[in-house]
Protein backbone atom coordinates (compact mmCIF):
# COMPACT_ATOMS: atom_id res chain seq x y z
CA UNK A 1 -12.22 12.21 19.50
CA UNK A 2 -15.92 11.78 20.24
CA UNK A 3 -16.50 10.77 23.84
CA UNK A 4 -19.34 8.38 22.87
CA UNK A 5 -17.45 6.58 20.11
CA UNK A 6 -17.05 3.40 22.16
CA UNK A 7 -20.73 3.47 23.04
CA UNK A 8 -21.63 3.63 19.34
CA UNK A 9 -19.21 0.78 18.70
CA UNK A 10 -20.87 -1.40 21.36
CA UNK A 11 -24.23 -0.65 19.77
CA UNK A 12 -22.93 -1.87 16.40
CA UNK A 13 -21.58 -5.03 18.04
CA UNK A 14 -25.01 -5.74 19.50
CA UNK A 15 -26.60 -5.24 16.07
CA UNK A 16 -24.08 -7.82 14.84
CA UNK A 17 -25.23 -10.31 17.52
CA UNK A 18 -21.97 -9.88 19.44
CA UNK A 19 -22.17 -9.06 23.14
CA UNK A 20 -19.54 -7.33 25.27
CA UNK A 21 -19.67 -9.62 28.31
CA UNK A 22 -16.90 -7.80 30.15
CA UNK A 23 -15.09 -4.57 29.47
CA UNK A 24 -12.68 -1.98 30.79
CA UNK A 25 -11.64 1.33 29.26
CA UNK A 26 -9.23 -0.41 26.90
CA UNK A 27 -10.22 -4.09 26.79
CA UNK A 28 -13.44 -5.88 25.82
CA UNK A 29 -14.43 -9.54 26.02
CA UNK A 30 -16.65 -10.35 23.04
CA UNK A 31 -19.11 -13.25 23.01
CA UNK A 32 -19.27 -14.68 19.51
CA UNK A 33 -21.44 -17.46 18.13
CA UNK A 34 -21.98 -20.27 20.63
CA UNK A 35 -20.07 -20.12 23.92
CA UNK A 36 -16.86 -18.69 22.46
CA UNK A 37 -15.50 -15.50 24.06
CA UNK A 38 -12.53 -13.57 22.68
CA UNK A 39 -10.68 -10.76 24.42
CA UNK A 40 -9.56 -7.69 22.47
CA UNK A 41 -7.52 -4.59 23.31
CA UNK A 42 -9.29 -1.48 21.98
CA UNK A 43 -7.18 0.76 19.79
CA UNK A 44 -8.91 4.03 18.93
CA UNK A 45 -7.54 5.59 15.78
CA UNK A 46 -7.74 9.10 14.44
CA UNK A 47 -10.79 9.92 12.38
CA UNK A 48 -9.90 7.64 9.44
CA UNK A 49 -8.62 4.05 9.27
CA UNK A 50 -5.96 3.90 6.55
CA UNK A 51 -4.26 1.06 4.74
CA UNK A 52 -1.05 1.72 6.70
CA UNK A 53 -2.90 1.21 9.97
CA UNK A 54 -4.57 -1.89 8.58
CA UNK A 55 -1.24 -3.39 7.51
CA UNK A 56 0.25 -2.80 10.97
CA UNK A 57 -2.70 -4.33 12.84
CA UNK A 58 -1.61 -6.72 15.57
CA UNK A 59 -3.56 -9.84 16.65
CA UNK A 60 -5.65 -9.34 19.75
CA UNK A 61 -6.40 -5.71 18.86
CA UNK A 62 -9.77 -4.25 17.88
CA UNK A 63 -9.40 -1.10 15.78
CA UNK A 64 -12.01 1.62 16.21
CA UNK A 65 -12.37 4.48 13.74
CA UNK A 66 -14.92 7.01 12.55
CA UNK A 67 -14.39 6.33 8.83
CA UNK A 68 -12.23 4.03 6.74
CA UNK A 69 -10.65 3.67 3.33
CA UNK A 70 -11.91 0.73 1.28
CA UNK A 71 -8.37 -0.62 0.81
CA UNK A 72 -7.80 -0.56 4.54
CA UNK A 73 -10.96 -2.59 5.11
CA UNK A 74 -10.02 -5.04 2.37
CA UNK A 75 -6.64 -5.59 3.98
CA UNK A 76 -8.20 -6.16 7.41
CA UNK A 77 -10.39 -8.86 5.92
CA UNK A 78 -7.35 -10.53 4.35
CA UNK A 79 -5.52 -10.47 7.67
CA UNK A 80 -8.44 -11.92 9.64
CA UNK A 81 -8.40 -8.73 11.70
CA UNK A 82 -10.91 -6.99 13.99
CA UNK A 83 -12.27 -3.48 13.45
CA UNK A 84 -15.33 -1.30 13.96
CA UNK A 85 -16.03 1.69 11.71
CA UNK A 86 -18.84 4.03 12.65
CA UNK A 87 -19.49 5.58 9.23
CA UNK A 88 -20.50 3.69 7.24
CA UNK A 89 -21.37 1.15 9.96
CA UNK A 90 -18.93 -1.74 9.60
CA UNK A 91 -18.04 -4.54 11.99
CA UNK A 92 -15.21 -6.89 11.03
CA UNK A 93 -14.35 -9.64 13.47
CA UNK A 94 -11.72 -12.26 12.60
CA UNK A 95 -11.76 -10.93 9.06
CA UNK A 96 -15.49 -11.47 8.58
CA UNK A 97 -18.16 -8.81 8.08
CA UNK A 98 -20.63 -9.27 10.93
CA UNK A 99 -23.06 -6.40 10.26
CA UNK A 100 -25.74 -6.75 7.59
CA UNK A 101 -27.47 -3.92 5.75
CA UNK A 102 -26.98 -1.78 2.68
CA UNK A 103 -24.59 0.63 4.32
CA UNK A 104 -21.94 -1.99 5.11
CA UNK A 105 -18.70 -1.57 3.25
CA UNK A 106 -19.64 1.57 1.33
CA UNK A 107 -16.89 4.18 1.62
CA UNK A 108 -17.18 7.75 0.42
CA UNK A 109 -14.44 8.94 -1.89
CA UNK A 110 -13.19 12.46 -1.25
CA UNK A 111 -12.32 14.65 -4.22
CA UNK A 112 -8.64 15.57 -4.15
CA UNK A 113 -8.18 18.29 -6.74
CA UNK A 114 -5.81 17.95 -9.71
CA UNK A 115 -5.71 14.77 -11.84
CA UNK A 116 -4.67 12.03 -9.44
CA UNK A 117 -1.91 10.54 -11.56
CA UNK A 118 -0.02 13.84 -11.61
CA UNK A 119 -0.66 14.71 -7.98
CA UNK A 120 0.46 11.33 -6.71
CA UNK A 121 3.53 11.32 -8.95
CA UNK A 122 4.70 14.55 -7.31
CA UNK A 123 3.93 13.26 -3.84
CA UNK A 124 5.78 10.00 -4.53
CA UNK A 125 8.84 11.87 -5.79
CA UNK A 126 8.95 13.79 -2.50
CA UNK A 127 8.43 10.60 -0.48
CA UNK A 128 11.32 8.89 -2.27
CA UNK A 129 13.67 11.88 -2.10
CA UNK A 130 16.40 11.91 0.52
CA UNK A 131 16.79 15.69 0.18
CA UNK A 132 14.65 18.70 -0.80
CA UNK A 133 13.68 18.90 -4.48
CA UNK A 134 13.30 22.08 -6.50
CA UNK A 135 10.70 22.40 -9.26
CA UNK A 136 13.18 21.45 -11.97
CA UNK A 137 14.01 18.23 -10.15
CA UNK A 138 10.35 17.47 -9.52
CA UNK A 139 9.68 17.93 -13.24
CA UNK A 140 12.49 15.48 -13.99
CA UNK A 141 11.21 12.80 -11.58
CA UNK A 142 7.58 13.05 -12.73
CA UNK A 143 7.82 13.92 -16.42
CA UNK A 144 5.60 16.97 -15.89
CA UNK A 145 6.23 20.55 -16.91
CA UNK A 146 7.40 23.02 -14.29
CA UNK A 147 4.13 24.91 -14.81
CA UNK A 148 2.18 21.76 -13.88
CA UNK A 149 4.46 21.19 -10.90
CA UNK A 150 3.76 24.72 -9.68
CA UNK A 151 -0.01 24.17 -9.82
CA UNK A 152 0.19 20.81 -8.06
CA UNK A 153 2.37 22.21 -5.29
CA UNK A 154 -0.28 24.86 -4.69
CA UNK A 155 -2.89 22.08 -4.46
CA UNK A 156 -0.67 20.28 -1.93
CA UNK A 157 -0.57 23.31 0.34
CA UNK A 158 -0.33 22.08 3.91
CA UNK A 159 1.40 18.86 2.85
CA UNK A 160 4.49 20.53 1.37
CA UNK A 161 6.62 23.49 2.28
CA UNK A 162 9.36 25.32 0.47
CA UNK A 163 12.74 25.62 2.13
CA UNK A 164 16.01 27.19 1.10
CA UNK A 165 17.06 24.13 -0.92
CA UNK A 166 13.69 23.10 -2.34
CA UNK A 167 10.38 21.48 -1.50
CA UNK A 168 9.87 18.99 1.33
CA UNK A 169 6.90 17.25 2.95
CA UNK A 170 5.50 18.69 6.16
CA UNK A 171 4.79 15.14 7.39
CA UNK A 172 6.33 12.14 5.63
CA UNK A 173 4.11 9.70 7.56
CA UNK A 174 0.86 11.49 6.78
CA UNK A 175 1.76 11.99 3.13
CA UNK A 176 2.66 8.32 2.80
CA UNK A 177 -0.71 7.31 4.21
CA UNK A 178 -2.51 9.67 1.81
CA UNK A 179 -0.54 8.31 -1.14
CA UNK A 180 -1.10 4.65 -0.24
CA UNK A 181 -4.81 5.26 0.30
CA UNK A 182 -5.30 6.96 -3.06
CA UNK A 183 -2.75 5.55 -5.50
CA UNK A 184 -4.62 3.30 -7.95
CA UNK A 185 -1.52 1.33 -8.93
CA UNK A 186 0.65 1.35 -12.05
CA UNK A 187 -2.16 -0.15 -14.14
CA UNK A 188 -1.39 -1.43 -17.62
CA UNK A 189 -1.18 -4.90 -19.11
CA UNK A 190 0.09 -8.00 -17.32
CA UNK A 191 1.28 -11.29 -18.79
CA UNK A 192 2.08 -14.31 -16.66
CA UNK A 193 4.83 -16.85 -17.16
CA UNK A 194 5.81 -20.10 -15.50
CA UNK A 195 9.41 -20.99 -14.70
CA UNK A 196 11.12 -23.65 -12.60
CA UNK A 197 13.88 -21.52 -11.07
CA UNK A 198 13.73 -19.42 -7.91
CA UNK A 199 12.34 -15.84 -8.18
CA UNK A 200 15.79 -14.21 -8.25
CA UNK A 201 16.94 -16.41 -11.13
CA UNK A 202 13.68 -15.94 -13.03
CA UNK A 203 13.96 -12.20 -12.60
CA UNK A 204 17.58 -12.18 -13.75
CA UNK A 205 16.88 -14.24 -16.88
CA UNK A 206 13.78 -12.23 -17.81
CA UNK A 207 15.67 -8.97 -17.24
CA UNK A 208 18.52 -10.07 -19.50
CA UNK A 209 16.15 -10.82 -22.38
CA UNK A 210 14.07 -7.66 -21.84
CA UNK A 211 17.25 -5.59 -21.85
CA UNK A 212 18.32 -7.13 -25.16
CA UNK A 213 14.92 -6.17 -26.57
CA UNK A 214 15.26 -2.56 -25.32
CA UNK A 215 12.22 -3.02 -23.07
CA UNK A 216 13.98 -1.26 -20.15
CA UNK A 217 13.04 -3.75 -17.40
CA UNK A 218 12.37 -2.63 -13.84
CA UNK A 219 12.49 -5.27 -11.11
CA UNK A 220 9.51 -5.35 -8.74
CA UNK A 221 7.90 -7.94 -6.50
CA UNK A 222 9.66 -9.66 -3.62
CA UNK A 223 13.04 -9.29 -5.28
CA UNK A 224 12.79 -5.50 -5.09
CA UNK A 225 11.45 -5.62 -1.54
CA UNK A 226 14.36 -7.88 -0.56
CA UNK A 227 16.79 -5.21 -1.78
CA UNK A 228 15.24 -2.53 0.43
CA UNK A 229 14.39 -4.65 3.47
CA UNK A 230 15.97 -8.11 3.35
CA UNK A 231 14.32 -10.35 5.92
CA UNK A 232 13.03 -13.41 4.04
CA UNK A 233 13.68 -15.25 0.79
CA UNK A 234 11.70 -13.76 -2.14
CA UNK A 235 8.73 -15.85 -3.22
CA UNK A 236 7.32 -13.87 -6.12
CA UNK A 237 8.77 -12.31 -9.25
CA UNK A 238 7.51 -9.24 -11.06
CA UNK A 239 9.01 -7.20 -13.88
CA UNK A 240 7.88 -3.89 -15.38
CA UNK A 241 8.77 -3.32 -19.03
CA UNK A 242 8.13 -0.65 -21.64
CA UNK A 243 6.77 -3.20 -24.12
CA UNK A 244 5.41 -6.73 -24.02
CA UNK A 245 8.15 -9.35 -23.87
CA UNK A 246 8.00 -12.96 -25.08
CA UNK A 247 9.91 -15.06 -22.53
CA UNK A 248 9.74 -18.36 -24.40
CA UNK A 249 13.36 -18.03 -25.61
CA UNK A 250 14.66 -18.12 -22.01
CA UNK A 251 12.71 -21.17 -20.87
CA UNK A 252 9.43 -19.74 -19.60
CA UNK A 253 5.98 -21.04 -20.53
CA UNK A 254 2.84 -18.87 -20.83
CA UNK A 255 0.65 -19.21 -17.74
CA UNK A 256 -2.47 -17.90 -16.05
CA UNK A 257 -2.37 -15.52 -13.10
CA UNK A 258 -3.20 -18.45 -10.81
CA UNK A 259 -0.36 -20.64 -12.06
CA UNK A 260 2.27 -18.10 -13.10
CA UNK A 261 5.55 -17.62 -11.25
CA UNK A 262 6.56 -14.37 -12.98
CA UNK A 263 4.37 -11.39 -13.84
CA UNK A 264 5.48 -8.97 -16.55
CA UNK A 265 3.67 -5.63 -16.49
CA UNK A 266 3.61 -2.89 -19.12
CA UNK A 267 2.37 -0.12 -16.81
CA UNK A 268 0.26 2.91 -17.62
CA UNK A 269 2.23 4.84 -14.99
CA UNK A 270 5.52 5.43 -16.80
CA UNK A 271 6.83 7.62 -13.96
CA UNK A 272 8.10 4.35 -12.44
CA UNK A 273 11.21 4.67 -14.59
CA UNK A 274 11.90 8.22 -13.43
CA UNK A 275 12.16 7.27 -9.75
CA UNK A 276 13.81 3.89 -10.28
CA UNK A 277 16.76 2.80 -8.15
CA UNK A 278 19.98 1.35 -9.55
CA UNK A 279 21.29 -1.73 -7.76
CA UNK A 280 24.59 -2.85 -9.25
CA UNK A 281 23.37 -2.16 -12.76
CA UNK A 282 19.87 -3.53 -12.24
CA UNK A 283 16.97 -1.07 -12.24
CA UNK A 284 14.46 -1.51 -9.40
CA UNK A 285 11.12 0.11 -8.72
CA UNK A 286 11.45 2.80 -6.07
CA UNK A 287 10.82 1.78 -2.45
CA UNK A 288 7.46 3.56 -2.26
CA UNK A 289 6.11 1.54 -5.19
CA UNK A 290 7.58 -1.56 -3.53
CA UNK A 291 5.65 -0.67 -0.37
CA UNK A 292 2.45 -0.29 -2.40
CA UNK A 293 3.01 -3.72 -3.96
CA UNK A 294 3.45 -5.23 -0.51
CA UNK A 295 0.21 -3.63 0.65
CA UNK A 296 -1.65 -5.37 -2.19
CA UNK A 297 -0.17 -8.79 -1.44
CA UNK A 298 -2.39 -11.63 -0.27
CA UNK A 299 0.54 -13.58 1.21
CA UNK A 300 0.07 -14.76 4.77
CA UNK A 301 3.06 -12.73 5.93
CA UNK A 302 2.23 -9.61 3.88
CA UNK A 303 1.58 -7.52 6.99
CA UNK A 304 4.98 -8.40 8.44
CA UNK A 305 6.67 -7.69 5.11
CA UNK A 306 4.89 -4.32 4.97
CA UNK A 307 6.00 -3.44 8.50
CA UNK A 308 9.59 -4.45 7.80
CA UNK A 309 9.79 -2.27 4.70
CA UNK A 310 7.89 0.63 6.26
CA UNK A 311 10.27 0.64 9.23
CA UNK A 312 13.29 0.81 6.92
CA UNK A 313 11.77 3.61 4.87
CA UNK A 314 10.65 5.68 7.84
CA UNK A 315 14.17 5.72 9.26
CA UNK A 316 15.65 9.12 8.56
CA UNK A 317 12.32 10.82 7.85
CA UNK A 318 11.10 13.20 10.51
CA UNK A 319 7.34 13.29 10.95
CA UNK A 320 6.47 16.94 10.98
């Protein structure tokens, strides 16, 4: 880690009209507009600020990194967090961008090799797996040919290793961060519906109709998260289906995204069905997709929900 990183950070604060009126090696008092002074613990990250680190930010902490992923910065803004990124120069205090100029907020995208959808499908299958997977199993969970799997595994050299029983990740934590940073989402077409019942009931009723229509529903949203890491009552409902489903017959009304209580998605990423989890006869999105959904949430407690689920998922995975 560069020895002058904090000095560069202080320079950026000054350019943002924020003074460090008192400081130690790990704590700075920042003078904001007017007479207000806030105290922050300095948390120096590795080279890159990721969305995982953004989601686990704690109040009173100022993150300091060399570079950052755009999704990580977006999440920090949602959380009202504090961070300084040296390249491109970015100062976020209490969720607000404080540094003007053309460079602010621009993040360089790094080329990652094979088509992303295939690469990230393989990585997700390994993240979900509780045991090593051979190439035949990876082909099953991703829908790719074994020849494609072989090429992608070569591209993932350093992130995966082959053992006696199959392929495993060299570092589950690092691979999860890479996947969350790069995965563009399931994509596809969303329709929104309004219902009066709680999210669990809405999900159950919509699932029943979608099943009758052979749309192969997958439960997402808070209901799926609650299955993997139950800690609060679900507030949102989301369903993934193979085809568009008309929910009028089960009491829903068409709605906008702003007013809807249930989102039904026909995703572009059909690998969701290959890694789905069965919960007493109900198909759920896998926990890694559930974690991605949580990372995109704008709910006020999204960061806590993310941490709860991440903690459950990390249990049992050794970080190599």
